Amino acid sequence: MIITDAQHLLDDKGAMAALRGPAKALAEFHADVIAYATDFDDSGVRQPLCFKCKKDTVKAGLAQDDAIVWRCPRCDVEGRISNWQGTLWDLSDRPETPTGRPV
């Protein structure tokens, strides 16, 4: 199981830290998982492709403790992401437009 604190992926301004190679790819995967799992309005965020097998999309959702849990059904890699609230990829508190749809 891959256990991630989302704050460890960020720089001091809250953007993705300057990472390279496999570390950057894994950080981007985690950002995609956060966006997908917090898209409660189903605005069309696509399921992320597994970073390991790259053959299937991961399933993701919220655990009782508000961590994001994810799993690839093909290769069985799984993980938990904590401290994702308020990151740039957290779509749970998007403001609404006058039409009632998220921005």
PDB file of N, CA and C in Angstrom:
ATOM      1  N   MET A   1       0.843  -1.172   0.000  1.00  0.00           N
ATOM      2  CA  MET A   1       0.000   0.000   0.000  1.00  0.00           C
ATOM      3  C   MET A   1       0.891   1.238   0.000  1.00  0.00           C
ATOM      4  N   ILE A   2       0.527   2.206  -0.829  1.00  0.00           N
ATOM      5  CA  ILE A   2       1.253   3.464  -0.906  1.00  0.00           C
ATOM      6  C   ILE A   2       0.507   4.482  -0.053  1.00  0.00           C
ATOM      7  N   ILE A   3       1.150   4.971   0.991  1.00  0.00           N
ATOM      8  CA  ILE A   3       0.529   5.934   1.897  1.00  0.00           C
ATOM      9  C   ILE A   3       1.176   7.289   1.638  1.00  0.00           C
ATOM     10  N   THR A   4       0.338   8.277   1.306  1.00  0.00           N
ATOM     11  CA  THR A   4       0.841   9.581   0.894  1.00  0.00           C
ATOM     12  C   THR A   4       0.184  10.697   1.682  1.00  0.00           C
ATOM     13  N   ASP A   5       0.991  11.635   2.129  1.00  0.00           N
ATOM     14  CA  ASP A   5       0.508  12.883   2.695  1.00  0.00           C
ATOM     15  C   ASP A   5       0.624  13.896   1.559  1.00  0.00           C
ATOM     16  N   ALA A   6      -0.501  14.390   1.060  1.00  0.00           N
ATOM     17  CA  ALA A   6      -0.498  15.275  -0.105  1.00  0.00           C
ATOM     18  C   ALA A   6       0.342  16.526   0.117  1.00  0.00           C
ATOM     19  N   GLN A   7       0.475  16.957   1.348  1.00  0.00           N
ATOM     20  CA  GLN A   7       1.271  18.158   1.632  1.00  0.00           C
ATOM     21  C   GLN A   7       2.749  17.948   1.288  1.00  0.00           C
ATOM     22  N   HIS A   8       3.210  16.713   1.272  1.00  0.00           N
ATOM     23  CA  HIS A   8       4.604  16.427   0.938  1.00  0.00           C
ATOM     24  C   HIS A   8       4.888  16.595  -0.555  1.00  0.00           C
ATOM     25  N   LEU A   9       3.831  16.715  -1.358  1.00  0.00           N
ATOM     26  CA  LEU A   9       3.990  16.873  -2.800  1.00  0.00           C
ATOM     27  C   LEU A   9       4.034  18.338  -3.214  1.00  0.00           C
ATOM     28  N   LEU A  10       3.816  19.250  -2.262  1.00  0.00           N
ATOM     29  CA  LEU A  10       3.625  20.656  -2.581  1.00  0.00           C
ATOM     30  C   LEU A  10       4.832  21.512  -2.226  1.00  0.00           C
ATOM     31  N   ASP A  11       4.961  22.633  -2.957  1.00  0.00           N
ATOM     32  CA  ASP A  11       5.970  23.614  -2.576  1.00  0.00           C
ATOM     33  C   ASP A  11       5.354  24.579  -1.569  1.00  0.00           C
ATOM     34  N   ASP A  12       6.090  25.624  -1.183  1.00  0.00           N
ATOM     35  CA  ASP A  12       5.595  26.543  -0.158  1.00  0.00           C
ATOM     36  C   ASP A  12       4.421  27.401  -0.614  1.00  0.00           C
ATOM     37  N   LYS A  13       4.109  27.392  -1.916  1.00  0.00           N
ATOM     38  CA  LYS A  13       2.960  28.152  -2.432  1.00  0.00           C
ATOM     39  C   LYS A  13       1.749  27.266  -2.705  1.00  0.00           C
ATOM     40  N   GLY A  14       1.869  25.976  -2.440  1.00  0.00           N
ATOM     41  CA  GLY A  14       0.772  25.049  -2.636  1.00  0.00           C
ATOM     42  C   GLY A  14       0.710  24.414  -4.011  1.00  0.00           C
ATOM     43  N   ALA A  15       1.676  24.709  -4.858  1.00  0.00           N
ATOM     44  CA  ALA A  15       1.738  24.097  -6.190  1.00  0.00           C
ATOM     45  C   ALA A  15       2.550  22.809  -6.116  1.00  0.00           C
ATOM     46  N   MET A  16       2.528  22.049  -7.192  1.00  0.00           N
ATOM     47  CA  MET A  16       3.302  20.815  -7.240  1.00  0.00           C
ATOM     48  C   MET A  16       4.782  21.141  -7.068  1.00  0.00           C
ATOM     49  N   ALA A  17       5.435  20.450  -6.168  1.00  0.00           N
ATOM     50  CA  ALA A  17       6.868  20.655  -5.937  1.00  0.00           C
ATOM     51  C   ALA A  17       7.645  20.324  -7.203  1.00  0.00           C
ATOM     52  N   ALA A  18       8.803  20.904  -7.338  1.00  0.00           N
ATOM     53  CA  ALA A  18       9.647  20.669  -8.512  1.00  0.00           C
ATOM     54  C   ALA A  18      10.260  19.279  -8.416  1.00  0.00           C
ATOM     55  N   LEU A  19       9.598  18.323  -9.007  1.00  0.00           N
ATOM     56  CA  LEU A  19      10.048  16.938  -8.988  1.00  0.00           C
ATOM     57  C   LEU A  19      10.398  16.526 -10.411  1.00  0.00           C
ATOM     58  N   ARG A  20      11.170  15.461 -10.541  1.00  0.00           N
ATOM     59  CA  ARG A  20      11.542  14.951 -11.858  1.00  0.00           C
ATOM     60  C   ARG A  20      11.359  13.443 -11.913  1.00  0.00           C
ATOM     61  N   GLY A  21      11.283  12.946 -13.113  1.00  0.00           N
ATOM     62  CA  GLY A  21      11.254  11.516 -13.355  1.00  0.00           C
ATOM     63  C   GLY A  21      10.105  10.795 -12.683  1.00  0.00           C
ATOM     64  N   PRO A  22      10.374   9.608 -12.116  1.00  0.00           N
ATOM     65  CA  PRO A  22       9.317   8.807 -11.492  1.00  0.00           C
ATOM     66  C   PRO A  22       8.622   9.530 -10.337  1.00  0.00           C
ATOM     67  N   ALA A  23       9.334  10.349  -9.580  1.00  0.00           N
ATOM     68  CA  ALA A  23       8.719  11.079  -8.467  1.00  0.00           C
ATOM     69  C   ALA A  23       7.676  12.058  -8.994  1.00  0.00           C
ATOM     70  N   LYS A  24       7.977  12.727 -10.095  1.00  0.00           N
ATOM     71  CA  LYS A  24       7.021  13.662 -10.698  1.00  0.00           C
ATOM     72  C   LYS A  24       5.792  12.908 -11.219  1.00  0.00           C
ATOM     73  N   ALA A  25       6.019  11.791 -11.880  1.00  0.00           N
ATOM     74  CA  ALA A  25       4.901  11.000 -12.413  1.00  0.00           C
ATOM     75  C   ALA A  25       3.992  10.519 -11.287  1.00  0.00           C
ATOM     76  N   LEU A  26       4.571  10.083 -10.174  1.00  0.00           N
ATOM     77  CA  LEU A  26       3.762   9.617  -9.044  1.00  0.00           C
ATOM     78  C   LEU A  26       3.006  10.777  -8.402  1.00  0.00           C
ATOM     79  N   ALA A  27       3.647  11.940  -8.285  1.00  0.00           N
ATOM     80  CA  ALA A  27       2.968  13.116  -7.726  1.00  0.00           C
ATOM     81  C   ALA A  27       1.805  13.539  -8.617  1.00  0.00           C
ATOM     82  N   GLU A  28       1.996  13.528  -9.931  1.00  0.00           N
ATOM     83  CA  GLU A  28       0.915  13.885 -10.855  1.00  0.00           C
ATOM     84  C   GLU A  28      -0.226  12.869 -10.775  1.00  0.00           C
ATOM     85  N   PHE A  29       0.105  11.602 -10.615  1.00  0.00           N
ATOM     86  CA  PHE A  29      -0.919  10.572 -10.440  1.00  0.00           C
ATOM     87  C   PHE A  29      -1.746  10.866  -9.192  1.00  0.00           C
ATOM     88  N   HIS A  30      -1.084  11.188  -8.086  1.00  0.00           N
ATOM     89  CA  HIS A  30      -1.801  11.498  -6.850  1.00  0.00           C
ATOM     90  C   HIS A  30      -2.705  12.719  -7.036  1.00  0.00           C
ATOM     91  N   ALA A  31      -2.238  13.737  -7.747  1.00  0.00           N
ATOM     92  CA  ALA A  31      -3.064  14.915  -8.017  1.00  0.00           C
ATOM     93  C   ALA A  31      -4.306  14.510  -8.819  1.00  0.00           C
ATOM     94  N   ASP A  32      -4.131  13.636  -9.808  1.00  0.00           N
ATOM     95  CA  ASP A  32      -5.273  13.161 -10.608  1.00  0.00           C
ATOM     96  C   ASP A  32      -6.260  12.370  -9.752  1.00  0.00           C
ATOM     97  N   VAL A  33      -5.753  11.560  -8.839  1.00  0.00           N
ATOM     98  CA  VAL A  33      -6.626  10.785  -7.954  1.00  0.00           C
ATOM     99  C   VAL A  33      -7.420  11.727  -7.042  1.00  0.00           C
ATOM    100  N   ILE A  34      -6.762  12.754  -6.495  1.00  0.00           N
ATOM    101  CA  ILE A  34      -7.452  13.715  -5.629  1.00  0.00           C
ATOM    102  C   ILE A  34      -8.571  14.398  -6.410  1.00  0.00           C
ATOM    103  N   ALA A  35      -8.284  14.866  -7.619  1.00  0.00           N
ATOM    104  CA  ALA A  35      -9.305  15.538  -8.431  1.00  0.00           C
ATOM    105  C   ALA A  35     -10.473  14.596  -8.723  1.00  0.00           C
ATOM    106  N   TYR A  36     -10.167  13.365  -9.117  1.00  0.00           N
ATOM    107  CA  TYR A  36     -11.228  12.412  -9.443  1.00  0.00           C
ATOM    108  C   TYR A  36     -12.086  12.081  -8.218  1.00  0.00           C
ATOM    109  N   ALA A  37     -11.433  11.821  -7.091  1.00  0.00           N
ATOM    110  CA  ALA A  37     -12.168  11.405  -5.889  1.00  0.00           C
ATOM    111  C   ALA A  37     -12.995  12.531  -5.282  1.00  0.00           C
ATOM    112  N   THR A  38     -12.637  13.785  -5.550  1.00  0.00           N
ATOM    113  CA  THR A  38     -13.366  14.915  -4.959  1.00  0.00           C
ATOM    114  C   THR A  38     -14.290  15.603  -5.950  1.00  0.00           C
ATOM    115  N   ASP A  39     -14.460  15.033  -7.123  1.00  0.00           N
ATOM    116  CA  ASP A  39     -15.377  15.585  -8.131  1.00  0.00           C
ATOM    117  C   ASP A  39     -16.796  15.111  -7.826  1.00  0.00           C
ATOM    118  N   PHE A  40     -17.346  15.597  -6.726  1.00  0.00           N
ATOM    119  CA  PHE A  40     -18.662  15.149  -6.268  1.00  0.00           C
ATOM    120  C   PHE A  40     -19.778  15.570  -7.201  1.00  0.00           C
ATOM    121  N   ASP A  41     -19.566  16.611  -7.997  1.00  0.00           N
ATOM    122  CA  ASP A  41     -20.588  17.083  -8.933  1.00  0.00           C
ATOM    123  C   ASP A  41     -20.526  16.341 -10.253  1.00  0.00           C
ATOM    124  N   ASP A  42     -19.607  15.402 -10.361  1.00  0.00           N
ATOM    125  CA  ASP A  42     -19.435  14.604 -11.572  1.00  0.00           C
ATOM    126  C   ASP A  42     -19.320  15.500 -12.803  1.00  0.00           C
ATOM    127  N   SER A  43     -18.348  16.417 -12.740  1.00  0.00           N
ATOM    128  CA  SER A  43     -18.175  17.367 -13.834  1.00  0.00           C
ATOM    129  C   SER A  43     -17.334  16.815 -14.975  1.00  0.00           C
ATOM    130  N   GLY A  44     -16.977  15.571 -14.910  1.00  0.00           N
ATOM    131  CA  GLY A  44     -16.281  14.955 -16.032  1.00  0.00           C
ATOM    132  C   GLY A  44     -14.800  14.714 -15.832  1.00  0.00           C
ATOM    133  N   VAL A  45     -14.310  14.750 -14.601  1.00  0.00           N
ATOM    134  CA  VAL A  45     -12.911  14.421 -14.356  1.00  0.00           C
ATOM    135  C   VAL A  45     -12.743  12.930 -14.637  1.00  0.00           C
ATOM    136  N   ARG A  46     -11.796  12.615 -15.491  1.00  0.00           N
ATOM    137  CA  ARG A  46     -11.602  11.220 -15.882  1.00  0.00           C
ATOM    138  C   ARG A  46     -10.895  10.419 -14.799  1.00  0.00           C
ATOM    139  N   GLN A  47     -11.233   9.129 -14.738  1.00  0.00           N
ATOM    140  CA  GLN A  47     -10.544   8.234 -13.807  1.00  0.00           C
ATOM    141  C   GLN A  47      -9.073   8.150 -14.203  1.00  0.00           C
ATOM    142  N   PRO A  48      -8.183   8.265 -13.225  1.00  0.00           N
ATOM    143  CA  PRO A  48      -6.756   8.194 -13.550  1.00  0.00           C
ATOM    144  C   PRO A  48      -6.329   6.794 -13.964  1.00  0.00           C
ATOM    145  N   LEU A  49      -5.406   6.752 -14.893  1.00  0.00           N
ATOM    146  CA  LEU A  49      -4.802   5.500 -15.316  1.00  0.00           C
ATOM    147  C   LEU A  49      -3.780   5.089 -14.256  1.00  0.00           C
ATOM    148  N   CYS A  50      -3.745   3.826 -13.917  1.00  0.00           N
ATOM    149  CA  CYS A  50      -2.815   3.327 -12.905  1.00  0.00           C
ATOM    150  C   CYS A  50      -1.379   3.695 -13.271  1.00  0.00           C
ATOM    151  N   PHE A  51      -0.651   4.252 -12.316  1.00  0.00           N
ATOM    152  CA  PHE A  51       0.728   4.666 -12.568  1.00  0.00           C
ATOM    153  C   PHE A  51       1.648   3.458 -12.722  1.00  0.00           C
ATOM    154  N   LYS A  52       1.249   2.312 -12.171  1.00  0.00           N
ATOM    155  CA  LYS A  52       2.123   1.140 -12.173  1.00  0.00           C
ATOM    156  C   LYS A  52       1.937   0.301 -13.439  1.00  0.00           C
ATOM    157  N   CYS A  53       0.727  -0.197 -13.670  1.00  0.00           N
ATOM    158  CA  CYS A  53       0.507  -1.079 -14.823  1.00  0.00           C
ATOM    159  C   CYS A  53       0.138  -0.304 -16.087  1.00  0.00           C
ATOM    160  N   LYS A  54      -0.380   0.897 -15.938  1.00  0.00           N
ATOM    161  CA  LYS A  54      -0.780   1.764 -17.057  1.00  0.00           C
ATOM    162  C   LYS A  54      -1.766   1.085 -18.004  1.00  0.00           C
ATOM    163  N   LYS A  55      -2.525   0.100 -17.465  1.00  0.00           N
ATOM    164  CA  LYS A  55      -3.458  -0.642 -18.310  1.00  0.00           C
ATOM    165  C   LYS A  55      -4.903  -0.500 -17.869  1.00  0.00           C
ATOM    166  N   ASP A  56      -5.147   0.030 -16.683  1.00  0.00           N
ATOM    167  CA  ASP A  56      -6.513   0.135 -16.174  1.00  0.00           C
ATOM    168  C   ASP A  56      -6.631   1.421 -15.371  1.00  0.00           C
ATOM    169  N   THR A  57      -7.861   1.846 -15.169  1.00  0.00           N
ATOM    170  CA  THR A  57      -8.099   3.031 -14.358  1.00  0.00           C
ATOM    171  C   THR A  57      -8.294   2.614 -12.907  1.00  0.00           C
ATOM    172  N   VAL A  58      -7.904   3.499 -12.004  1.00  0.00           N
ATOM    173  CA  VAL A  58      -8.042   3.194 -10.587  1.00  0.00           C
ATOM    174  C   VAL A  58      -9.428   3.578 -10.099  1.00  0.00           C
ATOM    175  N   LYS A  59      -9.873   2.877  -9.084  1.00  0.00           N
ATOM    176  CA  LYS A  59     -11.118   3.199  -8.383  1.00  0.00           C
ATOM    177  C   LYS A  59     -10.708   4.021  -7.167  1.00  0.00           C
ATOM    178  N   ALA A  60     -11.454   5.084  -6.870  1.00  0.00           N
ATOM    179  CA  ALA A  60     -11.074   5.950  -5.752  1.00  0.00           C
ATOM    180  C   ALA A  60     -12.317   6.463  -5.044  1.00  0.00           C
ATOM    181  N   GLY A  61     -12.178   6.710  -3.759  1.00  0.00           N
ATOM    182  CA  GLY A  61     -13.267   7.253  -2.961  1.00  0.00           C
ATOM    183  C   GLY A  61     -12.747   7.704  -1.608  1.00  0.00           C
ATOM    184  N   LEU A  62     -13.660   8.177  -0.782  1.00  0.00           N
ATOM    185  CA  LEU A  62     -13.284   8.671   0.542  1.00  0.00           C
ATOM    186  C   LEU A  62     -13.513   7.601   1.603  1.00  0.00           C
ATOM    187  N   ALA A  63     -12.548   7.479   2.503  1.00  0.00           N
ATOM    188  CA  ALA A  63     -12.669   6.580   3.652  1.00  0.00           C
ATOM    189  C   ALA A  63     -13.400   7.323   4.767  1.00  0.00           C
ATOM    190  N   GLN A  64     -13.751   6.614   5.824  1.00  0.00           N
ATOM    191  CA  GLN A  64     -14.456   7.235   6.955  1.00  0.00           C
ATOM    192  C   GLN A  64     -13.648   8.341   7.607  1.00  0.00           C
ATOM    193  N   ASP A  65     -12.325   8.256   7.548  1.00  0.00           N
ATOM    194  CA  ASP A  65     -11.476   9.291   8.152  1.00  0.00           C
ATOM    195  C   ASP A  65     -11.123  10.403   7.154  1.00  0.00           C
ATOM    196  N   ASP A  66     -11.832  10.467   6.035  1.00  0.00           N
ATOM    197  CA  ASP A  66     -11.665  11.463   4.968  1.00  0.00           C
ATOM    198  C   ASP A  66     -10.391  11.306   4.145  1.00  0.00           C
ATOM    199  N   ALA A  67      -9.628  10.265   4.360  1.00  0.00           N
ATOM    200  CA  ALA A  67      -8.507   9.988   3.463  1.00  0.00           C
ATOM    201  C   ALA A  67      -9.087   9.491   2.143  1.00  0.00           C
ATOM    202  N   ILE A  68      -8.372   9.724   1.072  1.00  0.00           N
ATOM    203  CA  ILE A  68      -8.770   9.172  -0.217  1.00  0.00           C
ATOM    204  C   ILE A  68      -8.114   7.804  -0.336  1.00  0.00           C
ATOM    205  N   VAL A  69      -8.912   6.803  -0.643  1.00  0.00           N
ATOM    206  CA  VAL A  69      -8.385   5.458  -0.857  1.00  0.00           C
ATOM    207  C   VAL A  69      -8.556   5.127  -2.333  1.00  0.00           C
ATOM    208  N   TRP A  70      -7.569   4.466  -2.896  1.00  0.00           N
ATOM    209  CA  TRP A  70      -7.624   4.113  -4.309  1.00  0.00           C
ATOM    210  C   TRP A  70      -7.031   2.721  -4.517  1.00  0.00           C
ATOM    211  N   ARG A  71      -7.425   2.112  -5.637  1.00  0.00           N
ATOM    212  CA  ARG A  71      -6.965   0.752  -5.940  1.00  0.00           C
ATOM    213  C   ARG A  71      -7.081   0.502  -7.432  1.00  0.00           C
ATOM    214  N   CYS A  72      -6.096  -0.173  -7.981  1.00  0.00           N
ATOM    215  CA  CYS A  72      -6.152  -0.604  -9.380  1.00  0.00           C
ATOM    216  C   CYS A  72      -6.682  -2.032  -9.411  1.00  0.00           C
ATOM    217  N   PRO A  73      -7.793  -2.266 -10.092  1.00  0.00           N
ATOM    218  CA  PRO A  73      -8.350  -3.620 -10.129  1.00  0.00           C
ATOM    219  C   PRO A  73      -7.504  -4.618 -10.931  1.00  0.00           C
ATOM    220  N   ARG A  74      -6.638  -4.131 -11.776  1.00  0.00           N
ATOM    221  CA  ARG A  74      -5.824  -5.031 -12.600  1.00  0.00           C
ATOM    222  C   ARG A  74      -4.579  -5.516 -11.859  1.00  0.00           C
ATOM    223  N   CYS A  75      -3.810  -4.578 -11.285  1.00  0.00           N
ATOM    224  CA  CYS A  75      -2.538  -4.988 -10.668  1.00  0.00           C
ATOM    225  C   CYS A  75      -2.577  -4.974  -9.141  1.00  0.00           C
ATOM    226  N   ASP A  76      -3.715  -4.601  -8.578  1.00  0.00           N
ATOM    227  CA  ASP A  76      -3.937  -4.613  -7.127  1.00  0.00           C
ATOM    228  C   ASP A  76      -3.084  -3.637  -6.332  1.00  0.00           C
ATOM    229  N   VAL A  77      -2.398  -2.698  -6.975  1.00  0.00           N
ATOM    230  CA  VAL A  77      -1.700  -1.667  -6.205  1.00  0.00           C
ATOM    231  C   VAL A  77      -2.782  -0.761  -5.606  1.00  0.00           C
ATOM    232  N   GLU A  78      -2.558  -0.312  -4.376  1.00  0.00           N
ATOM    233  CA  GLU A  78      -3.551   0.509  -3.699  1.00  0.00           C
ATOM    234  C   GLU A  78      -2.865   1.537  -2.828  1.00  0.00           C
ATOM    235  N   GLY A  79      -3.637   2.530  -2.409  1.00  0.00           N
ATOM    236  CA  GLY A  79      -3.043   3.552  -1.581  1.00  0.00           C
ATOM    237  C   GLY A  79      -4.048   4.397  -0.837  1.00  0.00           C
ATOM    238  N   ARG A  80      -3.513   5.268   0.022  1.00  0.00           N
ATOM    239  CA  ARG A  80      -4.295   6.223   0.809  1.00  0.00           C
ATOM    240  C   ARG A  80      -3.612   7.577   0.693  1.00  0.00           C
ATOM    241  N   ILE A  81      -4.413   8.620   0.511  1.00  0.00           N
ATOM    242  CA  ILE A  81      -3.887   9.975   0.435  1.00  0.00           C
ATOM    243  C   ILE A  81      -4.547  10.780   1.544  1.00  0.00           C
ATOM    244  N   SER A  82      -3.735  11.330   2.436  1.00  0.00           N
ATOM    245  CA  SER A  82      -4.254  12.178   3.504  1.00  0.00           C
ATOM    246  C   SER A  82      -3.857  13.628   3.243  1.00  0.00           C
ATOM    247  N   ASN A  83      -4.445  14.534   3.999  1.00  0.00           N
ATOM    248  CA  ASN A  83      -4.139  15.969   3.917  1.00  0.00           C
ATOM    249  C   ASN A  83      -4.280  16.536   2.508  1.00  0.00           C
ATOM    250  N   TRP A  84      -5.277  16.070   1.776  1.00  0.00           N
ATOM    251  CA  TRP A  84      -5.545  16.557   0.429  1.00  0.00           C
ATOM    252  C   TRP A  84      -6.476  17.768   0.431  1.00  0.00           C
ATOM    253  N   GLN A  85      -7.181  17.999   1.550  1.00  0.00           N
ATOM    254  CA  GLN A  85      -8.161  19.070   1.624  1.00  0.00           C
ATOM    255  C   GLN A  85      -7.476  20.423   1.413  1.00  0.00           C
ATOM    256  N   GLY A  86      -8.057  21.223   0.542  1.00  0.00           N
ATOM    257  CA  GLY A  86      -7.536  22.555   0.279  1.00  0.00           C
ATOM    258  C   GLY A  86      -6.411  22.618  -0.741  1.00  0.00           C
ATOM    259  N   THR A  87      -5.998  21.478  -1.285  1.00  0.00           N
ATOM    260  CA  THR A  87      -4.974  21.507  -2.332  1.00  0.00           C
ATOM    261  C   THR A  87      -5.607  22.014  -3.628  1.00  0.00           C
ATOM    262  N   LEU A  88      -4.774  22.328  -4.588  1.00  0.00           N
ATOM    263  CA  LEU A  88      -5.275  22.812  -5.880  1.00  0.00           C
ATOM    264  C   LEU A  88      -6.152  21.783  -6.584  1.00  0.00           C
ATOM    265  N   TRP A  89      -6.018  20.520  -6.226  1.00  0.00           N
ATOM    266  CA  TRP A  89      -6.751  19.447  -6.903  1.00  0.00           C
ATOM    267  C   TRP A  89      -8.009  19.036  -6.157  1.00  0.00           C
ATOM    268  N   ASP A  90      -8.248  19.633  -5.021  1.00  0.00           N
ATOM    269  CA  ASP A  90      -9.449  19.361  -4.221  1.00  0.00           C
ATOM    270  C   ASP A  90     -10.630  20.070  -4.880  1.00  0.00           C
ATOM    271  N   LEU A  91     -11.516  19.308  -5.491  1.00  0.00           N
ATOM    272  CA  LEU A  91     -12.664  19.872  -6.198  1.00  0.00           C
ATOM    273  C   LEU A  91     -13.928  19.875  -5.346  1.00  0.00           C
ATOM    274  N   SER A  92     -13.827  19.512  -4.083  1.00  0.00           N
ATOM    275  CA  SER A  92     -15.025  19.361  -3.251  1.00  0.00           C
ATOM    276  C   SER A  92     -15.690  20.675  -2.890  1.00  0.00           C
ATOM    277  N   ASP A  93     -14.963  21.771  -2.857  1.00  0.00           N
ATOM    278  CA  ASP A  93     -15.546  23.058  -2.465  1.00  0.00           C
ATOM    279  C   ASP A  93     -15.483  24.088  -3.582  1.00  0.00           C
ATOM    280  N   ARG A  94     -15.709  23.656  -4.807  1.00  0.00           N
ATOM    281  CA  ARG A  94     -15.678  24.603  -5.918  1.00  0.00           C
ATOM    282  C   ARG A  94     -16.848  25.568  -5.814  1.00  0.00           C
ATOM    283  N   PRO A  95     -16.603  26.852  -6.086  1.00  0.00           N
ATOM    284  CA  PRO A  95     -17.723  27.803  -6.072  1.00  0.00           C
ATOM    285  C   PRO A  95     -18.670  27.530  -7.232  1.00  0.00           C
ATOM    286  N   GLU A  96     -19.916  27.893  -7.039  1.00  0.00           N
ATOM    287  CA  GLU A  96     -20.912  27.692  -8.096  1.00  0.00           C
ATOM    288  C   GLU A  96     -21.101  28.976  -8.889  1.00  0.00           C
ATOM    289  N   THR A  97     -21.484  28.822 -10.135  1.00  0.00           N
ATOM    290  CA  THR A  97     -21.826  29.964 -10.986  1.00  0.00           C
ATOM    291  C   THR A  97     -23.273  30.333 -10.729  1.00  0.00           C
ATOM    292  N   PRO A  98     -23.756  31.454 -11.268  1.00  0.00           N
ATOM    293  CA  PRO A  98     -25.171  31.825 -11.085  1.00  0.00           C
ATOM    294  C   PRO A  98     -26.150  30.750 -11.565  1.00  0.00           C
ATOM    295  N   THR A  99     -25.716  29.872 -12.468  1.00  0.00           N
ATOM    296  CA  THR A  99     -26.593  28.802 -12.946  1.00  0.00           C
ATOM    297  C   THR A  99     -26.617  27.612 -12.016  1.00  0.00           C
ATOM    298  N   GLY A 100     -25.797  27.664 -10.941  1.00  0.00           N
ATOM    299  CA  GLY A 100     -25.776  26.559  -9.990  1.00  0.00           C
ATOM    300  C   GLY A 100     -24.760  25.494 -10.303  1.00  0.00           C
ATOM    301  N   ARG A 101     -23.998  25.660 -11.378  1.00  0.00           N
ATOM    302  CA  ARG A 101     -22.986  24.671 -11.749  1.00  0.00           C
ATOM    303  C   ARG A 101     -21.628  25.105 -11.232  1.00  0.00           C
ATOM    304  N   PRO A 102     -20.743  24.165 -10.904  1.00  0.00           N
ATOM    305  CA  PRO A 102     -19.403  24.526 -10.435  1.00  0.00           C
ATOM    306  C   PRO A 102     -18.641  25.286 -11.498  1.00  0.00           C
ATOM    307  N   VAL A 103     -17.735  26.131 -11.064  1.00  0.00           N
ATOM    308  CA  VAL A 103     -16.900  26.906 -11.984  1.00  0.00           C
ATOM    309  C   VAL A 103     -15.915  25.991 -12.640  1.00  0.00           C
TER     310      VAL A 103
END
